[in-house]
Amino acid sequence: MKRQLPSEPNLEQLRIQAKELRKAHQTADPAALQRIRESHPRLANAALEEVRSAEFTLSDAQLVLAREYGFASWPKLKAHVEALAVERGDPLELFHQAFKADDAARVRRLFARFPEFKARINEPLPDCGDPIITMARSREMIDVLVEAGADINAKSNWWAGGFGLLHSAKPDLAQHAIARGARVDVHAAARLGLIDELRALISARPELVNERGGDGQTPLHFASTIEVARFLLDHGAEIDPRDVDHESTPAQYMTGDRKEIARFLVQRGCTTDILMAAALGDAELARHHLDRDPECVRVRVSDEYFPMVGGKNGGTIYQWTLGWYVSAHQVAKSLGHDAIYRLLMERSPADVRFVAALWLGDTETVSSILAAQPNIVASLSAADRRHVAHASRNNETAAATRMLAAGLPVDSRGQHGATPLHWAAWHGNRDLVQTILRYN
């Protein structure tokens, strides 16, 4: 089967066609099997049953497609399409597509075709303010960018404190960047667990132990090991500094992916809260907070409980480490800390248990509370009546549906003043849109 490329071929569409061909092979589509037999060298003139039972990878599908379009291989088809795009496409968009695909070879070719872009390689990108080198995801891309003149030590111009490549790159990529000339600062050393470099930096300049970096974080915010955290504290690091962008402590930063270090900071006396106790699975700490302040059982990751005082801030880091609008109940349940979850439910008044049960799908508790207090929805606080919007914002269809069925208002407004319908449409969640419309 011979095919004719369109006048403006799209590589992504060709990839989709290859995936569709592979899927058609898996379903034994007769037309697809015939195409494969005609265009795949390994299966030329094979019986259709043999074609059907043969292993057929995505690379095989791409080869068939390339040969149908008159090319000997997928790489040759790809090179042809990319060459056409270079001649006809917008250079900025071509660079964007190649970088997004982490296609270093294509980026190199684009620099050769459009050398004028080398002069702009260290300019901050729109919106994020990051020089492109800070977002490189592979050794090959770093090499291409450095060869084109990128400053490997460039940082973003983020208002709260800039980030460089070493502040986000995976350890193996960071080591390659260091070999290419990236300088290890105190924040990178803490993040990468480079304890010898950290010792040398702080020995030379002790004040660096509390130096502000990206987002206004201190080295302790970046600490990736208990050894690093202990060293920093033993050399004068503040245990509870709040970063500039999120006004959050090191321990709060660590509740997601560095729980062991957070537990170490708790042992060393850091400030804690009920959400942290739930995340760390620390029942004793949870009980301590509930005994000291029974109302803390209401705390959620929201502006109501974590107001930003700086005016330009991005919201508590818990939004990213634990989740938007979650309660301690949800945190404990999601992490399998069932004893803490039971403790929280035991200490919660009916309205808190009701909302928690709606989020978590505890229909028995919801039904029990509604039977005892049929008007409980009307008695909920203004903040609690917004949970349909929050669940929709989080794209949690089941939770939003339960809330609507229980009588929570469909026209509530959450983040950005958006209604549940705004959020469902934004997510492209057709099921949730249809559910919301039934209540509106």
Foldseek 3Di string as FASTA:
>chain_A
DADAAPPQHDPVVLLVQLVVLVVCLQVLPVVSLVLLCVQQVVNPPNDSVCSSPDDADSLSSLCSSCVNHPHRHNVVVVVVNLVSCLVPHDLVVQCVVCQVVLPLVSNLVSCVVVVVCLVVQQAQDPPFQARPLLVRADLSNNVSNVVSPYDQQRWGVDPQATDGNLQDYDLVSNVSSVVVPHDQDLQSCQQNVVVVVNVVRCVVPVVLLQDAHVQGHHSLLRHQDLVSNVVSVVSPHDQAQAGNAARGGSLQSCLAPNLVNSVVSVVVPYDDALLSCLSNLPQVVNVVRCVVPVVSLQDWQDCVRRPDDPVNHDGHCCCVRPHHGDGSLVNNVVVVSVVNNVVSCVSDDLLSVCLSCLQVVVVVSVVVSCVVPVCVLVVDDLVSLQVLLVCLLVVPQSSNLSCVVSPRDQQHADPPRDGSLRSCVVVVPVVSNVSSVVSD
